[in-house]
Each structure stands twice: as structure tokens, then as C-alpha cells.
Amino acid sequence: DGASVSDPGQGEEVYVQPIGREVVGKMVEFAHRYEIDLELYSAMHYFAERETWSTQAHREFFGIEPSIADFTRLWERERIIKGGLVTTTPEEVVKAKIFCRHFDDSLCFSWARTPAYPGVDFINILAPEVSKGKALEALASYLGVSMSAVMAIGDGTNDISLLS
């Protein structure tokens, strides 16, 4: 979604737009209060507080093993780049909508679905200044490529900045 661009071969971070620590703390507090399974991502880890349908899907679909951790103070020691919510039931959809409404002024949300898991919503949670367009500009600059020589393809509304 444009929150982070890195060069794994060189071990370099090219561009990053993390979620503010204070906001992450509030996200965790809200998720705990309303029993919402929040997921958090740092540059190197995918965090969950417990095993869920989503942690299993991450293993099977993405080959990513979760780091199970207590989120209470995690945001103080980890720079969180992205959050996530996954809904598999109508009750989870309601909770996700409540979460999104509560943080509408301080976060950016994108809802996505995949044919691999029909009926499941994947909600990405990002800092409001995150943009795929800015990330692409940073990557092009890092690679020494003019933006006029770059081509981008998008499939959703979160790709608008990438294509403009």
C-alpha cells in the first residue's frame, strides 16, 4: 500500500511512512476494549496477539509466520508500518466498521477481497500520509529512474496516487 519500500539485497530502507506511536497505542487500546483482533506489521514482523483464522491464512497463502505478542506495549518498542483487520463473520464486519469510524480522522483504511477467500474482508490500516505514488517516486529516485520512464498498474481505489 505504499507505506514502506526497501531494497532487501542491500538491506536498505528506501521509504517509510509508519503509523505514529501514539496512534498505534490508541488502536491497541480500542481493539482490546472492543475485542477486535488487530494485526500489526513492522519492517520485519507480522504481529498477532493470538492465533486466528487470519494467522493461519498468512501461513498458507503468504508463507508468513506470525509473531504472537502482547500488544499492550509493543508499539513502544516496534515501529509499526501497517495495521490490519480481517473479517470472516458479520460480527467482525460490524466491529471493523466501528474501528474505522473511530479512527477516521487519524488513519487511512483500504478494504480488499481476494477470490482465494470469498466473503472475507482484509482491511489495511495506514498512516494518512501514505501513498503508493510517493512510494513509487521514492523508489524511482533510489533506482535513478525518471518518473517519465516508469509504468504502473493498479486495480483499486488505493492505486489512484500510483497512477496520477
N, C-alpha and C. Protein backbone atom coordinates (compact mmCIF):
# COMPACT_ATOMS: atom_id res chain seq x y z
N ASP A 1 0.80 -1.21 0.00
CA ASP A 1 0.00 0.00 0.00
C ASP A 1 0.84 1.27 0.00
N GLY A 2 2.15 1.14 -0.09
CA GLY A 2 3.00 2.32 -0.19
C GLY A 2 3.58 2.84 1.10
N ALA A 3 3.38 2.12 2.21
CA ALA A 3 3.91 2.60 3.49
C ALA A 3 5.40 2.34 3.64
N SER A 4 5.91 1.38 2.87
CA SER A 4 7.32 1.02 3.02
C SER A 4 7.88 0.51 1.69
N VAL A 5 9.08 0.98 1.38
CA VAL A 5 9.83 0.49 0.22
C VAL A 5 11.23 0.20 0.70
N SER A 6 11.73 -0.98 0.38
CA SER A 6 13.09 -1.32 0.82
C SER A 6 13.82 -2.07 -0.28
N ASP A 7 15.12 -2.14 -0.12
CA ASP A 7 15.99 -2.91 -1.00
C ASP A 7 16.56 -4.04 -0.17
N PRO A 8 15.90 -5.21 -0.18
CA PRO A 8 16.35 -6.32 0.67
C PRO A 8 17.77 -6.78 0.34
N GLY A 9 18.16 -6.67 -0.91
CA GLY A 9 19.50 -7.08 -1.31
C GLY A 9 20.58 -6.25 -0.65
N GLN A 10 20.29 -4.97 -0.45
CA GLN A 10 21.25 -4.05 0.17
C GLN A 10 20.94 -3.82 1.65
N GLY A 11 19.79 -4.33 2.10
CA GLY A 11 19.38 -4.10 3.48
C GLY A 11 19.07 -2.64 3.75
N GLU A 12 18.60 -1.94 2.73
CA GLU A 12 18.32 -0.50 2.86
C GLU A 12 16.83 -0.21 2.88
N GLU A 13 16.45 0.72 3.71
CA GLU A 13 15.09 1.23 3.72
C GLU A 13 15.08 2.44 2.79
N VAL A 14 14.29 2.38 1.75
CA VAL A 14 14.23 3.45 0.75
C VAL A 14 13.22 4.52 1.15
N TYR A 15 12.10 4.08 1.68
CA TYR A 15 11.00 5.00 2.02
C TYR A 15 10.13 4.32 3.07
N VAL A 16 9.71 5.07 4.08
CA VAL A 16 8.80 4.51 5.08
C VAL A 16 7.91 5.61 5.64
N GLN A 17 6.67 5.28 5.86
CA GLN A 17 5.68 6.18 6.46
C GLN A 17 4.95 5.39 7.55
N PRO A 18 5.56 5.25 8.73
CA PRO A 18 4.94 4.45 9.79
C PRO A 18 3.73 5.15 10.41
N ILE A 19 2.94 4.37 11.12
CA ILE A 19 1.84 4.93 11.90
C ILE A 19 2.45 5.50 13.17
N GLY A 20 2.04 6.68 13.58
CA GLY A 20 2.58 7.30 14.80
C GLY A 20 2.39 6.41 16.02
N ARG A 21 3.40 6.39 16.87
CA ARG A 21 3.37 5.52 18.07
C ARG A 21 2.14 5.77 18.93
N GLU A 22 1.82 7.04 19.15
CA GLU A 22 0.66 7.36 19.98
C GLU A 22 -0.63 6.81 19.37
N VAL A 23 -0.75 6.92 18.06
CA VAL A 23 -1.94 6.40 17.37
C VAL A 23 -1.99 4.87 17.49
N VAL A 24 -0.84 4.21 17.34
CA VAL A 24 -0.81 2.75 17.49
C VAL A 24 -1.26 2.37 18.90
N GLY A 25 -0.80 3.09 19.90
CA GLY A 25 -1.22 2.82 21.27
C GLY A 25 -2.73 2.93 21.43
N LYS A 26 -3.32 3.93 20.80
CA LYS A 26 -4.78 4.11 20.86
C LYS A 26 -5.50 3.01 20.09
N MET A 27 -4.92 2.58 18.97
CA MET A 27 -5.51 1.47 18.21
C MET A 27 -5.56 0.21 19.07
N VAL A 28 -4.46 -0.08 19.74
CA VAL A 28 -4.37 -1.28 20.59
C VAL A 28 -5.39 -1.19 21.73
N GLU A 29 -5.45 -0.05 22.37
CA GLU A 29 -6.39 0.15 23.48
C GLU A 29 -7.84 -0.06 23.00
N PHE A 30 -8.17 0.51 21.86
CA PHE A 30 -9.53 0.38 21.30
C PHE A 30 -9.82 -1.07 20.94
N ALA A 31 -8.87 -1.72 20.30
CA ALA A 31 -9.05 -3.13 19.91
C ALA A 31 -9.27 -4.01 21.13
N HIS A 32 -8.52 -3.77 22.19
CA HIS A 32 -8.71 -4.54 23.42
C HIS A 32 -10.09 -4.28 24.02
N ARG A 33 -10.50 -3.03 24.06
CA ARG A 33 -11.79 -2.67 24.66
C ARG A 33 -12.96 -3.34 23.92
N TYR A 34 -12.87 -3.42 22.58
CA TYR A 34 -13.98 -3.96 21.79
C TYR A 34 -13.73 -5.39 21.29
N GLU A 35 -12.69 -6.03 21.82
CA GLU A 35 -12.35 -7.42 21.47
C GLU A 35 -12.23 -7.59 19.95
N ILE A 36 -11.39 -6.75 19.37
CA ILE A 36 -11.11 -6.79 17.93
C ILE A 36 -9.73 -7.38 17.74
N ASP A 37 -9.61 -8.33 16.82
CA ASP A 37 -8.31 -8.94 16.52
C ASP A 37 -7.54 -8.04 15.56
N LEU A 38 -6.72 -7.19 16.12
CA LEU A 38 -5.88 -6.27 15.36
C LEU A 38 -4.58 -6.98 15.00
N GLU A 39 -4.08 -6.71 13.81
CA GLU A 39 -2.77 -7.21 13.39
C GLU A 39 -1.86 -6.01 13.16
N LEU A 40 -0.59 -6.15 13.48
CA LEU A 40 0.37 -5.07 13.31
C LEU A 40 1.58 -5.58 12.53
N TYR A 41 2.15 -4.70 11.72
CA TYR A 41 3.30 -5.05 10.89
C TYR A 41 4.42 -4.05 11.11
N SER A 42 5.61 -4.56 11.39
CA SER A 42 6.81 -3.73 11.41
C SER A 42 7.57 -4.06 10.13
N ALA A 43 8.76 -3.53 9.98
CA ALA A 43 9.54 -3.82 8.78
C ALA A 43 9.88 -5.30 8.66
N MET A 44 10.00 -5.98 9.80
CA MET A 44 10.45 -7.38 9.77
C MET A 44 9.46 -8.39 10.34
N HIS A 45 8.37 -7.93 10.94
CA HIS A 45 7.47 -8.86 11.62
C HIS A 45 6.00 -8.60 11.33
N TYR A 46 5.24 -9.69 11.34
CA TYR A 46 3.78 -9.66 11.31
C TYR A 46 3.35 -10.10 12.70
N PHE A 47 2.69 -9.21 13.44
CA PHE A 47 2.31 -9.48 14.83
C PHE A 47 0.82 -9.75 14.96
N ALA A 48 0.50 -10.72 15.81
CA ALA A 48 -0.88 -11.00 16.21
C ALA A 48 -0.84 -11.31 17.70
N GLU A 49 -1.94 -11.07 18.37
CA GLU A 49 -1.96 -11.36 19.81
C GLU A 49 -2.36 -12.80 20.11
N ARG A 50 -3.00 -13.44 19.12
CA ARG A 50 -3.40 -14.84 19.31
C ARG A 50 -3.58 -15.48 17.94
N GLU A 51 -3.70 -16.78 17.93
CA GLU A 51 -3.97 -17.50 16.69
C GLU A 51 -5.40 -17.21 16.25
N THR A 52 -5.56 -16.90 14.96
CA THR A 52 -6.88 -16.61 14.40
C THR A 52 -6.96 -17.23 13.00
N TRP A 53 -8.12 -17.08 12.39
CA TRP A 53 -8.26 -17.52 11.00
C TRP A 53 -7.19 -16.82 10.15
N SER A 54 -6.97 -15.56 10.43
CA SER A 54 -6.03 -14.76 9.64
C SER A 54 -4.58 -15.24 9.79
N THR A 55 -4.17 -15.59 11.01
CA THR A 55 -2.79 -16.07 11.17
C THR A 55 -2.58 -17.34 10.36
N GLN A 56 -3.59 -18.20 10.33
CA GLN A 56 -3.48 -19.43 9.53
C GLN A 56 -3.46 -19.10 8.03
N ALA A 57 -4.27 -18.14 7.61
CA ALA A 57 -4.28 -17.73 6.20
C ALA A 57 -2.94 -17.13 5.81
N HIS A 58 -2.33 -16.35 6.70
CA HIS A 58 -1.00 -15.79 6.42
C HIS A 58 0.02 -16.91 6.19
N ARG A 59 -0.07 -17.96 6.99
CA ARG A 59 0.83 -19.10 6.81
C ARG A 59 0.60 -19.78 5.47
N GLU A 60 -0.66 -20.10 5.19
CA GLU A 60 -1.00 -20.89 4.00
C GLU A 60 -0.88 -20.09 2.70
N PHE A 61 -1.37 -18.86 2.71
CA PHE A 61 -1.45 -18.08 1.48
C PHE A 61 -0.16 -17.30 1.19
N PHE A 62 0.43 -16.72 2.25
CA PHE A 62 1.60 -15.87 2.07
C PHE A 62 2.90 -16.52 2.52
N GLY A 63 2.81 -17.62 3.26
CA GLY A 63 4.02 -18.25 3.80
C GLY A 63 4.66 -17.43 4.91
N ILE A 64 3.84 -16.65 5.62
CA ILE A 64 4.35 -15.76 6.67
C ILE A 64 3.94 -16.30 8.04
N GLU A 65 4.90 -16.47 8.90
CA GLU A 65 4.67 -16.94 10.26
C GLU A 65 4.43 -15.74 11.17
N PRO A 66 3.36 -15.75 11.96
CA PRO A 66 3.11 -14.61 12.85
C PRO A 66 4.02 -14.62 14.06
N SER A 67 4.30 -13.44 14.57
CA SER A 67 4.95 -13.30 15.87
C SER A 67 3.83 -13.02 16.86
N ILE A 68 3.55 -13.99 17.73
CA ILE A 68 2.48 -13.83 18.71
C ILE A 68 3.03 -13.00 19.87
N ALA A 69 2.38 -11.88 20.17
CA ALA A 69 2.90 -10.96 21.19
C ALA A 69 1.76 -10.22 21.86
N ASP A 70 1.99 -9.79 23.08
CA ASP A 70 1.06 -8.91 23.79
C ASP A 70 1.26 -7.51 23.23
N PHE A 71 0.20 -6.91 22.71
CA PHE A 71 0.30 -5.60 22.07
C PHE A 71 0.33 -4.44 23.06
N THR A 72 0.10 -4.70 24.34
CA THR A 72 -0.05 -3.62 25.32
C THR A 72 1.05 -2.57 25.22
N ARG A 73 2.30 -2.96 25.10
CA ARG A 73 3.41 -2.01 24.99
C ARG A 73 4.24 -2.23 23.71
N LEU A 74 3.79 -3.09 22.84
CA LEU A 74 4.54 -3.41 21.61
C LEU A 74 4.87 -2.16 20.81
N TRP A 75 3.94 -1.25 20.73
CA TRP A 75 4.11 -0.03 19.94
C TRP A 75 5.23 0.86 20.47
N GLU A 76 5.65 0.65 21.72
CA GLU A 76 6.75 1.45 22.28
C GLU A 76 8.11 0.94 21.81
N ARG A 77 8.20 -0.34 21.46
CA ARG A 77 9.49 -0.90 21.07
C ARG A 77 9.59 -1.29 19.59
N GLU A 78 8.47 -1.25 18.88
CA GLU A 78 8.45 -1.57 17.45
C GLU A 78 7.89 -0.39 16.67
N ARG A 79 8.49 -0.10 15.53
CA ARG A 79 7.94 0.92 14.63
C ARG A 79 6.91 0.22 13.75
N ILE A 80 5.67 0.57 13.91
CA ILE A 80 4.59 -0.10 13.20
C ILE A 80 4.30 0.64 11.90
N ILE A 81 4.42 -0.09 10.82
CA ILE A 81 4.25 0.48 9.49
C ILE A 81 2.81 0.35 9.01
N LYS A 82 2.16 -0.72 9.44
CA LYS A 82 0.82 -1.01 8.94
C LYS A 82 0.06 -1.82 9.98
N GLY A 83 -1.24 -1.63 10.00
CA GLY A 83 -2.11 -2.46 10.81
C GLY A 83 -3.05 -3.21 9.90
N GLY A 84 -3.77 -4.15 10.46
CA GLY A 84 -4.73 -4.89 9.66
C GLY A 84 -5.86 -5.45 10.49
N LEU A 85 -7.01 -5.55 9.86
CA LEU A 85 -8.17 -6.23 10.42
C LEU A 85 -8.64 -7.21 9.35
N VAL A 86 -9.12 -8.36 9.78
CA VAL A 86 -9.66 -9.35 8.86
C VAL A 86 -11.02 -9.76 9.38
N THR A 87 -12.03 -9.70 8.51
CA THR A 87 -13.37 -10.07 8.94
C THR A 87 -13.81 -11.35 8.24
N THR A 88 -14.29 -12.29 9.04
CA THR A 88 -14.80 -13.55 8.50
C THR A 88 -16.25 -13.79 8.89
N THR A 89 -16.80 -12.91 9.75
CA THR A 89 -18.18 -13.05 10.21
C THR A 89 -18.87 -11.69 10.17
N PRO A 90 -20.20 -11.67 10.14
CA PRO A 90 -20.91 -10.38 10.19
C PRO A 90 -20.57 -9.58 11.45
N GLU A 91 -20.37 -10.24 12.59
CA GLU A 91 -20.00 -9.54 13.82
C GLU A 91 -18.64 -8.84 13.67
N GLU A 92 -17.69 -9.51 13.03
CA GLU A 92 -16.37 -8.90 12.81
C GLU A 92 -16.46 -7.71 11.86
N VAL A 93 -17.35 -7.79 10.87
CA VAL A 93 -17.55 -6.66 9.95
C VAL A 93 -18.04 -5.45 10.72
N VAL A 94 -19.01 -5.65 11.61
CA VAL A 94 -19.54 -4.55 12.43
C VAL A 94 -18.43 -3.94 13.27
N LYS A 95 -17.64 -4.79 13.93
CA LYS A 95 -16.54 -4.29 14.77
C LYS A 95 -15.51 -3.53 13.94
N ALA A 96 -15.20 -4.03 12.75
CA ALA A 96 -14.23 -3.35 11.88
C ALA A 96 -14.75 -1.97 11.46
N LYS A 97 -16.03 -1.89 11.16
CA LYS A 97 -16.61 -0.59 10.77
C LYS A 97 -16.57 0.39 11.94
N ILE A 98 -16.83 -0.09 13.15
CA ILE A 98 -16.75 0.76 14.34
C ILE A 98 -15.32 1.27 14.51
N PHE A 99 -14.34 0.37 14.35
CA PHE A 99 -12.92 0.73 14.45
C PHE A 99 -12.58 1.80 13.42
N CYS A 100 -12.98 1.59 12.18
CA CYS A 100 -12.66 2.53 11.10
C CYS A 100 -13.30 3.90 11.35
N ARG A 101 -14.54 3.91 11.80
CA ARG A 101 -15.20 5.19 12.10
C ARG A 101 -14.48 5.93 13.22
N HIS A 102 -14.07 5.18 14.24
CA HIS A 102 -13.41 5.80 15.39
C HIS A 102 -12.09 6.48 14.99
N PHE A 103 -11.36 5.85 14.07
CA PHE A 103 -10.03 6.37 13.69
C PHE A 103 -10.03 7.06 12.33
N ASP A 104 -11.20 7.41 11.84
CA ASP A 104 -11.32 8.01 10.51
C ASP A 104 -10.48 9.27 10.33
N ASP A 105 -10.29 10.05 11.39
CA ASP A 105 -9.52 11.30 11.29
C ASP A 105 -8.01 11.10 11.42
N SER A 106 -7.58 9.94 11.90
CA SER A 106 -6.15 9.76 12.17
C SER A 106 -5.49 8.62 11.41
N LEU A 107 -6.28 7.86 10.65
CA LEU A 107 -5.73 6.74 9.89
C LEU A 107 -6.40 6.66 8.52
N CYS A 108 -5.79 5.88 7.64
CA CYS A 108 -6.34 5.64 6.31
C CYS A 108 -6.64 4.14 6.20
N PHE A 109 -7.79 3.80 5.64
CA PHE A 109 -8.20 2.40 5.55
C PHE A 109 -8.46 2.02 4.10
N SER A 110 -8.07 0.80 3.74
CA SER A 110 -8.45 0.26 2.43
C SER A 110 -8.96 -1.16 2.65
N TRP A 111 -10.15 -1.41 2.13
CA TRP A 111 -10.80 -2.71 2.25
C TRP A 111 -10.54 -3.47 0.96
N ALA A 112 -10.17 -4.73 1.09
CA ALA A 112 -9.88 -5.55 -0.09
C ALA A 112 -10.45 -6.95 0.10
N ARG A 113 -10.67 -7.60 -1.02
CA ARG A 113 -11.10 -9.00 -1.04
C ARG A 113 -10.24 -9.75 -2.04
N THR A 114 -10.17 -11.06 -1.88
CA THR A 114 -9.44 -11.89 -2.81
C THR A 114 -10.29 -13.10 -3.17
N PRO A 115 -10.24 -13.54 -4.43
CA PRO A 115 -11.01 -14.72 -4.82
C PRO A 115 -10.61 -15.98 -4.03
N ALA A 116 -9.40 -15.97 -3.50
CA ALA A 116 -8.95 -17.13 -2.71
C ALA A 116 -9.77 -17.31 -1.44
N TYR A 117 -10.30 -16.21 -0.90
CA TYR A 117 -11.10 -16.25 0.33
C TYR A 117 -12.37 -15.42 0.16
N PRO A 118 -13.35 -15.93 -0.60
CA PRO A 118 -14.58 -15.15 -0.82
C PRO A 118 -15.30 -14.90 0.51
N GLY A 119 -15.85 -13.71 0.63
CA GLY A 119 -16.58 -13.36 1.84
C GLY A 119 -15.73 -12.85 2.98
N VAL A 120 -14.42 -12.77 2.77
CA VAL A 120 -13.50 -12.29 3.80
C VAL A 120 -13.01 -10.90 3.40
N ASP A 121 -13.08 -9.97 4.34
CA ASP A 121 -12.55 -8.62 4.10
C ASP A 121 -11.18 -8.49 4.74
N PHE A 122 -10.24 -7.93 4.00
CA PHE A 122 -8.91 -7.61 4.51
C PHE A 122 -8.83 -6.09 4.55
N ILE A 123 -8.69 -5.53 5.75
CA ILE A 123 -8.67 -4.08 5.91
C ILE A 123 -7.26 -3.64 6.28
N ASN A 124 -6.63 -2.89 5.39
CA ASN A 124 -5.30 -2.35 5.65
C ASN A 124 -5.45 -1.02 6.38
N ILE A 125 -4.60 -0.83 7.38
CA ILE A 125 -4.63 0.38 8.21
C ILE A 125 -3.28 1.08 8.07
N LEU A 126 -3.31 2.32 7.61
CA LEU A 126 -2.08 3.05 7.31
C LEU A 126 -2.12 4.46 7.87
N ALA A 127 -0.95 5.06 7.97
CA ALA A 127 -0.86 6.48 8.31
C ALA A 127 -1.55 7.27 7.19
N PRO A 128 -2.19 8.39 7.51
CA PRO A 128 -2.94 9.12 6.49
C PRO A 128 -2.09 9.67 5.35
N GLU A 129 -0.81 9.89 5.59
CA GLU A 129 0.03 10.45 4.53
C GLU A 129 0.61 9.39 3.59
N VAL A 130 0.28 8.12 3.80
CA VAL A 130 0.78 7.05 2.95
C VAL A 130 0.17 7.15 1.56
N SER A 131 1.01 6.95 0.57
CA SER A 131 0.55 6.99 -0.82
C SER A 131 1.46 6.13 -1.67
N LYS A 132 0.85 5.31 -2.51
CA LYS A 132 1.65 4.49 -3.42
C LYS A 132 2.41 5.38 -4.39
N GLY A 133 1.84 6.53 -4.72
CA GLY A 133 2.51 7.46 -5.62
C GLY A 133 3.81 7.97 -5.03
N LYS A 134 3.78 8.38 -3.75
CA LYS A 134 5.00 8.85 -3.07
C LYS A 134 6.02 7.72 -2.97
N ALA A 135 5.54 6.52 -2.68
CA ALA A 135 6.44 5.37 -2.57
C ALA A 135 7.10 5.08 -3.92
N LEU A 136 6.32 5.17 -5.00
CA LEU A 136 6.88 4.93 -6.33
C LEU A 136 7.91 6.00 -6.69
N GLU A 137 7.63 7.25 -6.36
CA GLU A 137 8.60 8.32 -6.61
C GLU A 137 9.90 8.07 -5.86
N ALA A 138 9.79 7.63 -4.60
CA ALA A 138 10.99 7.34 -3.80
C ALA A 138 11.78 6.18 -4.41
N LEU A 139 11.08 5.15 -4.86
CA LEU A 139 11.74 4.00 -5.48
C LEU A 139 12.43 4.41 -6.78
N ALA A 140 11.74 5.17 -7.61
CA ALA A 140 12.33 5.62 -8.88
C ALA A 140 13.58 6.45 -8.62
N SER A 141 13.51 7.35 -7.66
CA SER A 141 14.66 8.17 -7.31
C SER A 141 15.82 7.31 -6.82
N TYR A 142 15.52 6.35 -5.96
CA TYR A 142 16.54 5.44 -5.43
C TYR A 142 17.23 4.67 -6.55
N LEU A 143 16.43 4.25 -7.54
CA LEU A 143 16.98 3.48 -8.66
C LEU A 143 17.58 4.37 -9.75
N GLY A 144 17.41 5.69 -9.61
CA GLY A 144 17.94 6.61 -10.62
C GLY A 144 17.14 6.58 -11.91
N VAL A 145 15.85 6.31 -11.80
CA VAL A 145 14.97 6.22 -12.97
C VAL A 145 14.03 7.43 -12.97
N SER A 146 13.89 8.05 -14.11
CA SER A 146 12.98 9.18 -14.26
C SER A 146 11.54 8.67 -14.17
N MET A 147 10.67 9.45 -13.55
CA MET A 147 9.26 9.06 -13.46
C MET A 147 8.62 8.92 -14.84
N SER A 148 9.16 9.62 -15.83
CA SER A 148 8.61 9.50 -17.19
C SER A 148 8.92 8.14 -17.80
N ALA A 149 9.84 7.39 -17.20
CA ALA A 149 10.19 6.06 -17.69
C ALA A 149 9.53 4.95 -16.87
N VAL A 150 8.64 5.34 -15.97
CA VAL A 150 8.00 4.37 -15.07
C VAL A 150 6.59 4.08 -15.54
N MET A 151 6.21 2.80 -15.46
CA MET A 151 4.85 2.39 -15.76
C MET A 151 4.26 1.76 -14.50
N ALA A 152 3.00 2.03 -14.23
CA ALA A 152 2.34 1.47 -13.05
C ALA A 152 1.00 0.88 -13.46
N ILE A 153 0.60 -0.15 -12.76
CA ILE A 153 -0.69 -0.81 -13.00
C ILE A 153 -1.42 -0.87 -11.67
N GLY A 154 -2.69 -0.55 -11.67
CA GLY A 154 -3.47 -0.60 -10.44
C GLY A 154 -4.79 -1.31 -10.65
N ASP A 155 -5.37 -1.76 -9.54
CA ASP A 155 -6.65 -2.46 -9.63
C ASP A 155 -7.66 -2.01 -8.58
N GLY A 156 -7.36 -0.92 -7.89
CA GLY A 156 -8.28 -0.47 -6.85
C GLY A 156 -8.13 1.01 -6.59
N THR A 157 -9.03 1.54 -5.77
CA THR A 157 -9.00 2.98 -5.47
C THR A 157 -7.74 3.39 -4.72
N ASN A 158 -7.11 2.43 -4.00
CA ASN A 158 -5.88 2.78 -3.30
C ASN A 158 -4.70 2.91 -4.26
N ASP A 159 -4.94 2.70 -5.55
CA ASP A 159 -3.89 2.84 -6.56
C ASP A 159 -3.95 4.17 -7.31
N ILE A 160 -4.90 5.01 -6.98
CA ILE A 160 -5.08 6.28 -7.71
C ILE A 160 -3.82 7.12 -7.67
N SER A 161 -3.19 7.27 -6.50
CA SER A 161 -1.98 8.09 -6.41
C SER A 161 -0.83 7.48 -7.20
N LEU A 162 -0.85 6.18 -7.36
CA LEU A 162 0.18 5.48 -8.13
C LEU A 162 0.06 5.81 -9.61
N LEU A 163 -1.15 6.01 -10.07
CA LEU A 163 -1.41 6.20 -11.49
C LEU A 163 -1.48 7.67 -11.91
N SER A 164 -1.44 8.59 -10.94
CA SER A 164 -1.57 10.01 -11.32
C SER A 164 -0.23 10.67 -11.50
